PDB file of N, CA and C in Angstrom:
ATOM      1  N   MET A   1       0.821  -1.638  -0.280  1.00  0.00           N
ATOM      2  CA  MET A   1      -0.115  -0.166  -0.199  1.00  0.00           C
ATOM      3  C   MET A   1       0.488   1.571   0.146  1.00  0.00           C
ATOM      4  N   PRO A   2       0.648   2.259  -0.756  1.00  0.00           N
ATOM      5  CA  PRO A   2       1.838   3.756  -0.926  1.00  0.00           C
ATOM      6  C   PRO A   2       1.466   4.068   0.146  1.00  0.00           C
ATOM      7  N   GLN A   3       2.690   5.068   0.435  1.00  0.00           N
ATOM      8  CA  GLN A   3       2.007   5.252   1.272  1.00  0.00           C
ATOM      9  C   GLN A   3       1.207   6.938   1.817  1.00  0.00           C
ATOM     10  N   ASN A   4       0.985   7.379   0.381  1.00  0.00           N
ATOM     11  CA  ASN A   4       0.467   8.673   1.038  1.00  0.00           C
ATOM     12  C   ASN A   4      -1.491   7.678   1.029  1.00  0.00           C
ATOM     13  N   GLU A   5      -1.979   6.142   1.011  1.00  0.00           N
ATOM     14  CA  GLU A   5      -2.825   5.732   1.195  1.00  0.00           C
ATOM     15  C   GLU A   5      -3.123   5.322   2.764  1.00  0.00           C
ATOM     16  N   ILE A   6      -1.583   5.247   3.157  1.00  0.00           N
ATOM     17  CA  ILE A   6      -1.761   4.515   4.779  1.00  0.00           C
ATOM     18  C   ILE A   6      -1.838   5.777   5.568  1.00  0.00           C
ATOM     19  N   SER A   7      -1.256   6.313   5.584  1.00  0.00           N
ATOM     20  CA  SER A   7      -1.892   8.042   5.417  1.00  0.00           C
ATOM     21  C   SER A   7      -2.906   8.456   6.384  1.00  0.00           C
ATOM     22  N   ASP A   8      -3.613   8.407   4.561  1.00  0.00           N
ATOM     23  CA  ASP A   8      -5.490   7.910   4.894  1.00  0.00           C
ATOM     24  C   ASP A   8      -5.633   6.986   6.011  1.00  0.00           C
ATOM     25  N   VAL A   9      -5.081   6.248   5.993  1.00  0.00           N
ATOM     26  CA  VAL A   9      -6.197   5.212   6.947  1.00  0.00           C
ATOM     27  C   VAL A   9      -5.490   5.638   8.258  1.00  0.00           C
ATOM     28  N   LEU A  10      -4.344   5.824   9.026  1.00  0.00           N
ATOM     29  CA  LEU A  10      -3.899   6.337  10.283  1.00  0.00           C
ATOM     30  C   LEU A  10      -5.255   7.688   9.990  1.00  0.00           C
ATOM     31  N   LYS A  11      -5.511   8.224   9.043  1.00  0.00           N
ATOM     32  CA  LYS A  11      -6.412   9.203   9.600  1.00  0.00           C
ATOM     33  C   LYS A  11      -7.501   9.127   9.582  1.00  0.00           C
ATOM     34  N   LEU A  12      -8.350   7.564   9.308  1.00  0.00           N
ATOM     35  CA  LEU A  12      -9.345   7.300   9.231  1.00  0.00           C
ATOM     36  C   LEU A  12      -9.860   7.068  10.933  1.00  0.00           C
ATOM     37  N   LEU A  13      -8.253   6.098  11.055  1.00  0.00           N
ATOM     38  CA  LEU A  13      -8.130   5.498  12.000  1.00  0.00           C
ATOM     39  C   LEU A  13      -8.601   6.098  13.169  1.00  0.00           C
ATOM     40  N   LYS A  14      -7.598   7.149  13.296  1.00  0.00           N
ATOM     41  CA  LYS A  14      -7.142   8.360  14.799  1.00  0.00           C
ATOM     42  C   LYS A  14      -8.916   8.979  14.497  1.00  0.00           C
ATOM     43  N   ALA A  15      -9.519   9.309  13.285  1.00  0.00           N
ATOM     44  CA  ALA A  15     -11.035  10.188  13.998  1.00  0.00           C
ATOM     45  C   ALA A  15     -12.195   9.305  14.845  1.00  0.00           C
ATOM     46  N   GLY A  16     -11.665   7.293  14.930  1.00  0.00           N
ATOM     47  CA  GLY A  16     -12.472   6.572  15.612  1.00  0.00           C
ATOM     48  C   GLY A  16     -11.844   6.830  16.761  1.00  0.00           C
ATOM     49  N   CYS A  17     -10.956   6.895  17.122  1.00  0.00           N
ATOM     50  CA  CYS A  17     -10.345   6.566  18.524  1.00  0.00           C
ATOM     51  C   CYS A  17     -10.011   8.117  19.530  1.00  0.00           C
ATOM     52  N   SER A  18     -10.820   7.888  20.257  1.00  0.00           N
ATOM     53  CA  SER A  18     -10.354   9.335  21.238  1.00  0.00           C
ATOM     54  C   SER A  18      -9.299   9.326  22.328  1.00  0.00           C
ATOM     55  N   SER A  19      -8.716   8.357  22.736  1.00  0.00           N
ATOM     56  CA  SER A  19      -8.023   8.755  23.964  1.00  0.00           C
ATOM     57  C   SER A  19      -6.398   8.230  23.081  1.00  0.00           C
ATOM     58  N   VAL A  20      -5.310   8.539  23.470  1.00  0.00           N
ATOM     59  CA  VAL A  20      -3.873   7.785  23.411  1.00  0.00           C
ATOM     60  C   VAL A  20      -3.572   6.534  24.130  1.00  0.00           C
ATOM     61  N   ALA A  21      -3.206   5.310  23.921  1.00  0.00           N
ATOM     62  CA  ALA A  21      -3.262   4.493  24.845  1.00  0.00           C
ATOM     63  C   ALA A  21      -1.348   3.745  24.682  1.00  0.00           C
ATOM     64  N   THR A  22      -0.296   3.434  25.597  1.00  0.00           N
ATOM     65  CA  THR A  22       0.217   3.043  26.102  1.00  0.00           C
ATOM     66  C   THR A  22       0.516   2.263  25.545  1.00  0.00           C
ATOM     67  N   THR A  23       1.412   0.804  25.897  1.00  0.00           N
ATOM     68  CA  THR A  23       1.704  -0.526  26.256  1.00  0.00           C
ATOM     69  C   THR A  23       1.697  -0.451  27.717  1.00  0.00           C
ATOM     70  N   SER A  24       1.631   0.857  28.318  1.00  0.00           N
ATOM     71  CA  SER A  24       1.184   0.111  29.980  1.00  0.00           C
ATOM     72  C   SER A  24      -0.035   0.628  30.561  1.00  0.00           C
ATOM     73  N   THR A  25      -0.523   1.106  29.313  1.00  0.00           N
ATOM     74  CA  THR A  25      -2.148   2.089  30.305  1.00  0.00           C
ATOM     75  C   THR A  25      -2.757   0.687  29.469  1.00  0.00           C
ATOM     76  N   PRO A  26      -4.010   0.378  29.646  1.00  0.00           N
ATOM     77  CA  PRO A  26      -4.518  -0.665  29.339  1.00  0.00           C
ATOM     78  C   PRO A  26      -5.942   0.544  28.822  1.00  0.00           C
ATOM     79  N   ILE A  27      -7.010   0.079  28.250  1.00  0.00           N
ATOM     80  CA  ILE A  27      -7.728   0.545  27.468  1.00  0.00           C
ATOM     81  C   ILE A  27      -9.077  -0.082  27.308  1.00  0.00           C
ATOM     82  N   SER A  28     -10.084   1.042  27.257  1.00  0.00           N
ATOM     83  CA  SER A  28     -11.309   0.892  27.913  1.00  0.00           C
ATOM     84  C   SER A  28     -12.030  -0.114  27.026  1.00  0.00           C
ATOM     85  N   ALA A  29     -12.802  -0.990  27.413  1.00  0.00           N
ATOM     86  CA  ALA A  29     -13.797  -2.487  26.834  1.00  0.00           C
ATOM     87  C   ALA A  29     -14.318  -0.928  25.487  1.00  0.00           C
ATOM     88  N   GLN A  30     -14.499   0.364  26.436  1.00  0.00           N
ATOM     89  CA  GLN A  30     -15.574   1.043  24.679  1.00  0.00           C
ATOM     90  C   GLN A  30     -14.398   1.633  24.368  1.00  0.00           C
ATOM     91  N   GLU A  31     -13.385   1.946  24.470  1.00  0.00           N
ATOM     92  CA  GLU A  31     -12.562   2.546  23.721  1.00  0.00           C
ATOM     93  C   GLU A  31     -11.961   1.379  22.770  1.00  0.00           C
ATOM     94  N   GLN A  32     -11.753   0.141  22.962  1.00  0.00           N
ATOM     95  CA  GLN A  32     -11.247  -0.787  22.188  1.00  0.00           C
ATOM     96  C   GLN A  32     -12.784  -1.135  21.518  1.00  0.00           C
ATOM     97  N   ALA A  33     -13.887  -1.247  21.211  1.00  0.00           N
ATOM     98  CA  ALA A  33     -15.056  -0.964  20.491  1.00  0.00           C
ATOM     99  C   ALA A  33     -15.309   0.176  19.972  1.00  0.00           C
ATOM    100  N   ARG A  34     -14.647   1.335  19.909  1.00  0.00           N
ATOM    101  CA  ARG A  34     -14.019   2.325  18.974  1.00  0.00           C
ATOM    102  C   ARG A  34     -12.839   2.164  17.723  1.00  0.00           C
ATOM    103  N   ARG A  35     -12.162   1.672  18.917  1.00  0.00           N
ATOM    104  CA  ARG A  35     -10.801   1.578  17.308  1.00  0.00           C
ATOM    105  C   ARG A  35     -11.520   0.505  16.658  1.00  0.00           C
ATOM    106  N   GLN A  36     -12.029  -0.758  17.524  1.00  0.00           N
ATOM    107  CA  GLN A  36     -12.509  -1.580  16.637  1.00  0.00           C
ATOM    108  C   GLN A  36     -14.134  -0.926  15.416  1.00  0.00           C
ATOM    109  N   GLN A  37     -14.431   0.169  15.314  1.00  0.00           N
ATOM    110  CA  GLN A  37     -15.565   0.151  14.661  1.00  0.00           C
ATOM    111  C   GLN A  37     -14.352   1.380  13.470  1.00  0.00           C
ATOM    112  N   ALA A  38     -13.703   1.739  14.129  1.00  0.00           N
ATOM    113  CA  ALA A  38     -13.015   2.510  13.439  1.00  0.00           C
ATOM    114  C   ALA A  38     -11.855   1.990  12.733  1.00  0.00           C
ATOM    115  N   LEU A  39     -11.514   0.850  12.960  1.00  0.00           N
ATOM    116  CA  LEU A  39     -10.984  -0.864  11.334  1.00  0.00           C
ATOM    117  C   LEU A  39     -11.840  -1.264  10.883  1.00  0.00           C
ATOM    118  N   ILE A  40     -12.852  -0.898  11.047  1.00  0.00           N
ATOM    119  CA  ILE A  40     -14.099  -1.978  10.359  1.00  0.00           C
ATOM    120  C   ILE A  40     -13.703  -0.532   9.227  1.00  0.00           C
ATOM    121  N   ALA A  41     -14.942   0.925   9.132  1.00  0.00           N
ATOM    122  CA  ALA A  41     -14.956   1.744   9.041  1.00  0.00           C
ATOM    123  C   ALA A  41     -13.896   1.608   7.200  1.00  0.00           C
ATOM    124  N   THR A  42     -12.554   1.714   7.969  1.00  0.00           N
ATOM    125  CA  THR A  42     -10.958   2.085   7.239  1.00  0.00           C
ATOM    126  C   THR A  42     -11.172   1.048   6.146  1.00  0.00           C
ATOM    127  N   ILE A  43     -11.371  -0.732   6.814  1.00  0.00           N
ATOM    128  CA  ILE A  43     -11.894  -1.496   5.681  1.00  0.00           C
ATOM    129  C   ILE A  43     -12.912  -0.849   4.465  1.00  0.00           C
ATOM    130  N   ALA A  44     -13.496  -0.583   5.137  1.00  0.00           N
ATOM    131  CA  ALA A  44     -14.962  -0.206   4.308  1.00  0.00           C
ATOM    132  C   ALA A  44     -14.645   0.087   2.885  1.00  0.00           C
ATOM    133  N   HIS A  45     -14.520   1.721   3.564  1.00  0.00           N
ATOM    134  CA  HIS A  45     -13.722   3.014   2.923  1.00  0.00           C
ATOM    135  C   HIS A  45     -12.464   2.632   2.072  1.00  0.00           C
ATOM    136  N   LEU A  46     -11.874   1.372   2.570  1.00  0.00           N
ATOM    137  CA  LEU A  46     -10.139   0.654   1.786  1.00  0.00           C
ATOM    138  C   LEU A  46     -11.071   0.171   0.360  1.00  0.00           C
ATOM    139  N   ARG A  47     -12.023  -0.685   0.812  1.00  0.00           N
ATOM    140  CA  ARG A  47     -13.228  -2.162   0.006  1.00  0.00           C
ATOM    141  C   ARG A  47     -13.575  -0.806  -1.022  1.00  0.00           C
ATOM    142  N   ILE A  48     -13.652   0.506  -1.109  1.00  0.00           N
ATOM    143  CA  ILE A  48     -15.206   1.146  -2.304  1.00  0.00           C
ATOM    144  C   ILE A  48     -13.315   1.295  -3.237  1.00  0.00           C
ATOM    145  N   GLU A  49     -12.341   1.519  -2.635  1.00  0.00           N
ATOM    146  CA  GLU A  49     -11.347   2.040  -3.391  1.00  0.00           C
ATOM    147  C   GLU A  49     -11.085   1.124  -3.868  1.00  0.00           C
ATOM    148  N   ASP A  50     -11.231  -0.096  -4.256  1.00  0.00           N
ATOM    149  CA  ASP A  50     -10.539  -1.220  -4.534  1.00  0.00           C
ATOM    150  C   ASP A  50      -9.455  -1.606  -4.030  1.00  0.00           C
ATOM    151  N   LEU A  51      -9.357  -1.124  -3.036  1.00  0.00           N
ATOM    152  CA  LEU A  51      -7.685  -1.382  -1.607  1.00  0.00           C
ATOM    153  C   LEU A  51      -8.403  -2.089  -0.594  1.00  0.00           C
ATOM    154  N   HIS A  52      -6.698  -2.536  -0.317  1.00  0.00           N
ATOM    155  CA  HIS A  52      -6.882  -4.006   0.803  1.00  0.00           C
ATOM    156  C   HIS A  52      -5.943  -3.816   1.544  1.00  0.00           C
ATOM    157  N   LEU A  53      -5.752  -4.222   3.145  1.00  0.00           N
ATOM    158  CA  LEU A  53      -5.238  -4.040   4.029  1.00  0.00           C
ATOM    159  C   LEU A  53      -3.873  -5.352   3.432  1.00  0.00           C
ATOM    160  N   ASP A  54      -3.082  -5.365   3.855  1.00  0.00           N
ATOM    161  CA  ASP A  54      -2.548  -6.222   3.497  1.00  0.00           C
ATOM    162  C   ASP A  54      -2.186  -7.560   4.491  1.00  0.00           C
ATOM    163  N   ASN A  55      -1.645  -8.669   4.895  1.00  0.00           N
ATOM    164  CA  ASN A  55      -1.025  -8.812   6.466  1.00  0.00           C
ATOM    165  C   ASN A  55      -0.489  -8.484   7.678  1.00  0.00           C
ATOM    166  N   ASP A  56       0.411  -7.695   6.891  1.00  0.00           N
ATOM    167  CA  ASP A  56       1.124  -7.239   8.228  1.00  0.00           C
ATOM    168  C   ASP A  56       0.146  -5.919   9.119  1.00  0.00           C
ATOM    169  N   LEU A  57       0.233  -5.069   7.965  1.00  0.00           N
ATOM    170  CA  LEU A  57      -0.880  -4.062   8.146  1.00  0.00           C
ATOM    171  C   LEU A  57      -1.606  -4.727   9.800  1.00  0.00           C
ATOM    172  N   LYS A  58      -3.316  -5.697   8.953  1.00  0.00           N
ATOM    173  CA  LYS A  58      -4.191  -5.995   9.701  1.00  0.00           C
ATOM    174  C   LYS A  58      -3.318  -6.361  10.529  1.00  0.00           C
ATOM    175  N   ARG A  59      -1.944  -7.147  11.491  1.00  0.00           N
ATOM    176  CA  ARG A  59      -2.105  -7.108  12.184  1.00  0.00           C
ATOM    177  C   ARG A  59      -1.592  -5.753  13.273  1.00  0.00           C
ATOM    178  N   ILE A  60      -0.890  -4.938  12.618  1.00  0.00           N
ATOM    179  CA  ILE A  60      -0.791  -3.378  13.390  1.00  0.00           C
ATOM    180  C   ILE A  60      -1.909  -3.403  13.605  1.00  0.00           C
ATOM    181  N   PHE A  61      -2.689  -3.320  13.287  1.00  0.00           N
ATOM    182  CA  PHE A  61      -3.884  -2.174  13.443  1.00  0.00           C
ATOM    183  C   PHE A  61      -4.840  -3.379  14.469  1.00  0.00           C
ATOM    184  N   GLN A  62      -4.521  -4.461  14.189  1.00  0.00           N
ATOM    185  CA  GLN A  62      -5.264  -5.491  15.522  1.00  0.00           C
ATOM    186  C   GLN A  62      -4.534  -5.164  16.997  1.00  0.00           C
ATOM    187  N   ARG A  63      -3.127  -5.439  16.626  1.00  0.00           N
ATOM    188  CA  ARG A  63      -2.806  -4.526  18.359  1.00  0.00           C
ATOM    189  C   ARG A  63      -3.160  -3.230  18.766  1.00  0.00           C
ATOM    190  N   HIS A  64      -3.461  -2.605  17.715  1.00  0.00           N
ATOM    191  CA  HIS A  64      -3.508  -1.329  18.429  1.00  0.00           C
ATOM    192  C   HIS A  64      -5.322  -1.189  18.537  1.00  0.00           C
ATOM    193  N   VAL A  65      -6.266  -2.035  18.205  1.00  0.00           N
ATOM    194  CA  VAL A  65      -7.608  -2.035  18.326  1.00  0.00           C
ATOM    195  C   VAL A  65      -7.377  -2.979  20.319  1.00  0.00           C
ATOM    196  N   ASP A  66      -6.781  -3.681  20.145  1.00  0.00           N
ATOM    197  CA  ASP A  66      -6.399  -4.790  21.322  1.00  0.00           C
ATOM    198  C   ASP A  66      -5.994  -3.905  22.059  1.00  0.00           C
ATOM    199  N   GLY A  67      -5.335  -2.789  22.047  1.00  0.00           N
ATOM    200  CA  GLY A  67      -4.457  -1.727  23.149  1.00  0.00           C
ATOM    201  C   GLY A  67      -3.221  -1.854  23.616  1.00  0.00           C
ATOM    202  N   GLU A  68      -2.890  -3.118  22.724  1.00  0.00           N
ATOM    203  CA  GLU A  68      -1.539  -3.276  22.918  1.00  0.00           C
ATOM    204  C   GLU A  68      -0.842  -2.376  22.935  1.00  0.00           C
ATOM    205  N   ILE A  69      -0.747  -1.607  21.720  1.00  0.00           N
ATOM    206  CA  ILE A  69      -0.686  -0.169  21.165  1.00  0.00           C
ATOM    207  C   ILE A  69      -1.690   0.966  21.181  1.00  0.00           C
ATOM    208  N   GLY A  70      -0.198   2.324  21.581  1.00  0.00           N
ATOM    209  CA  GLY A  70      -1.447   3.290  21.731  1.00  0.00           C
ATOM    210  C   GLY A  70      -1.239   3.898  19.700  1.00  0.00           C
ATOM    211  N   ASP A  71      -2.014   4.882  19.964  1.00  0.00           N
ATOM    212  CA  ASP A  71      -1.854   5.922  18.578  1.00  0.00           C
ATOM    213  C   ASP A  71      -0.275   6.565  17.977  1.00  0.00           C
ATOM    214  N   GLU A  72       0.729   6.822  18.800  1.00  0.00           N
ATOM    215  CA  GLU A  72       1.599   7.680  18.784  1.00  0.00           C
ATOM    216  C   GLU A  72       2.448   5.823  17.631  1.00  0.00           C
ATOM    217  N   GLU A  73       2.126   4.847  18.120  1.00  0.00           N
ATOM    218  CA  GLU A  73       3.329   3.777  17.994  1.00  0.00           C
ATOM    219  C   GLU A  73       2.503   2.768  17.376  1.00  0.00           C
ATOM    220  N   LEU A  74       0.951   3.374  16.691  1.00  0.00           N
ATOM    221  CA  LEU A  74       0.344   2.856  15.430  1.00  0.00           C
ATOM    222  C   LEU A  74       1.357   3.038  14.254  1.00  0.00           C
ATOM    223  N   ALA A  75       1.203   4.926  14.869  1.00  0.00           N
ATOM    224  CA  ALA A  75       1.736   5.342  13.375  1.00  0.00           C
ATOM    225  C   ALA A  75       3.842   4.907  13.380  1.00  0.00           C
ATOM    226  N   ALA A  76       3.605   4.965  14.052  1.00  0.00           N
ATOM    227  CA  ALA A  76       5.932   4.246  14.402  1.00  0.00           C
ATOM    228  C   ALA A  76       5.854   3.035  13.340  1.00  0.00           C
ATOM    229  N   ALA A  77       4.809   2.372  14.290  1.00  0.00           N
ATOM    230  CA  ALA A  77       5.262   0.978  13.396  1.00  0.00           C
ATOM    231  C   ALA A  77       4.681   0.949  12.103  1.00  0.00           C
ATOM    232  N   ILE A  78       3.397   1.875  11.290  1.00  0.00           N
ATOM    233  CA  ILE A  78       3.805   1.633   9.734  1.00  0.00           C
ATOM    234  C   ILE A  78       4.653   2.267   9.810  1.00  0.00           C
ATOM    235  N   ASP A  79       5.017   3.259   9.818  1.00  0.00           N
ATOM    236  CA  ASP A  79       6.117   3.972   9.463  1.00  0.00           C
ATOM    237  C   ASP A  79       7.566   3.311   9.252  1.00  0.00           C
ATOM    238  N   GLU A  80       7.942   2.212  10.386  1.00  0.00           N
ATOM    239  CA  GLU A  80       8.744   1.812  10.169  1.00  0.00           C
ATOM    240  C   GLU A  80       8.082   0.654   9.247  1.00  0.00           C
ATOM    241  N   LEU A  81       7.190  -0.447   8.559  1.00  0.00           N
ATOM    242  CA  LEU A  81       6.669  -1.252   8.061  1.00  0.00           C
ATOM    243  C   LEU A  81       7.100  -0.583   6.450  1.00  0.00           C
ATOM    244  N   ASN A  82       6.758   0.217   6.497  1.00  0.00           N
ATOM    245  CA  ASN A  82       6.690   1.449   5.024  1.00  0.00           C
ATOM    246  C   ASN A  82       8.199   1.535   5.218  1.00  0.00           C
ATOM    247  N   GLU A  83       9.288   1.780   5.777  1.00  0.00           N
ATOM    248  CA  GLU A  83      10.584   2.264   5.672  1.00  0.00           C
ATOM    249  C   GLU A  83      11.386   0.814   5.367  1.00  0.00           C
ATOM    250  N   ARG A  84      11.297  -0.409   5.808  1.00  0.00           N
ATOM    251  CA  ARG A  84      10.915  -1.577   5.316  1.00  0.00           C
ATOM    252  C   ARG A  84      10.859  -2.029   3.931  1.00  0.00           C
ATOM    253  N   ARG A  85       9.299  -2.052   3.560  1.00  0.00           N
ATOM    254  CA  ARG A  85       9.233  -2.105   2.342  1.00  0.00           C
ATOM    255  C   ARG A  85       9.493  -1.412   0.846  1.00  0.00           C
ATOM    256  N   PHE A  86       9.488   0.422   1.668  1.00  0.00           N
ATOM    257  CA  PHE A  86       9.853   0.768  -0.039  1.00  0.00           C
ATOM    258  C   PHE A  86      11.604   2.364   0.179  1.00  0.00           C
ATOM    259  N   GLY A  87      12.248   1.513   1.944  1.00  0.00           N
ATOM    260  CA  GLY A  87      13.159   2.556   1.630  1.00  0.00           C
ATOM    261  C   GLY A  87      12.737   4.151   1.895  1.00  0.00           C
ATOM    262  N   PRO A  88      13.345   4.907   3.160  1.00  0.00           N
ATOM    263  CA  PRO A  88      12.957   5.928   3.537  1.00  0.00           C
ATOM    264  C   PRO A  88      12.518   6.876   2.764  1.00  0.00           C
ATOM    265  N   LEU A  89      11.510   7.594   2.724  1.00  0.00           N
ATOM    266  CA  LEU A  89      11.181   8.531   1.640  1.00  0.00           C
ATOM    267  C   LEU A  89      10.733  10.028   2.368  1.00  0.00           C
ATOM    268  N   PRO A  90      11.074  10.847   1.531  1.00  0.00           N
ATOM    269  CA  PRO A  90      10.719  12.271   1.702  1.00  0.00           C
ATOM    270  C   PRO A  90       9.301  12.600   2.125  1.00  0.00           C
ATOM    271  N   VAL A  91       9.288  13.038   3.028  1.00  0.00           N
ATOM    272  CA  VAL A  91       7.463  13.239   3.468  1.00  0.00           C
ATOM    273  C   VAL A  91       7.463  14.567   4.015  1.00  0.00           C
ATOM    274  N   SER A  92       6.615  15.364   3.756  1.00  0.00           N
ATOM    275  CA  SER A  92       7.045  17.583   4.191  1.00  0.00           C
ATOM    276  C   SER A  92       5.964  17.129   5.511  1.00  0.00           C
ATOM    277  N   GLY A  93       7.188  17.946   6.041  1.00  0.00           N
ATOM    278  CA  GLY A  93       6.164  18.146   7.811  1.00  0.00           C
ATOM    279  C   GLY A  93       6.868  16.801   8.450  1.00  0.00           C
ATOM    280  N   ASN A  94       6.815  16.242   8.122  1.00  0.00           N
ATOM    281  CA  ASN A  94       7.058  15.433   9.257  1.00  0.00           C
ATOM    282  C   ASN A  94       9.062  14.869  10.451  1.00  0.00           C
ATOM    283  N   GLY A  95       9.707  16.053   8.882  1.00  0.00           N
ATOM    284  CA  GLY A  95      10.985  16.075   9.763  1.00  0.00           C
ATOM    285  C   GLY A  95      11.869  15.567   9.253  1.00  0.00           C
ATOM    286  N   ARG A  96      11.434  14.213   8.765  1.00  0.00           N
ATOM    287  CA  ARG A  96      12.136  13.407   8.135  1.00  0.00           C
ATOM    288  C   ARG A  96      12.621  13.398   6.451  1.00  0.00           C
ATOM    289  N   SER A  97      14.024  13.191   6.522  1.00  0.00           N
ATOM    290  CA  SER A  97      14.391  12.899   4.798  1.00  0.00           C
ATOM    291  C   SER A  97      14.276  11.760   4.354  1.00  0.00           C
TER     292      SER A  97
END
C-alpha cells in the first residue's frame, strides 16, 4: 500500500479513536470497541476504492484495537513497515528525509 494511502488510513483510524494508549496503560472496553469500529470503517472505505490491507498491516492495526499499542506507536509501526518495504521516503512536514 503506498505511503499516501497509509496516511489516509491513519487519519480515518485516528478520527475513530478518542484517546492515546501506551503499552503500559490498558484501554477500556469502550475504547476498544471504538477502535474496532474505526478499523471496520477504514477497511470498508478501502474496499470502495478497491484497496485492501495486507496481513502485516492487519496485524499492526489489530494490536492497536487490542490496546497493545497506542496511536503514536501505531503510526511508528506503520512508518517502520513502510521504510522496510520502500526505503526512507521524504515526506514534508514530518522532519524526516
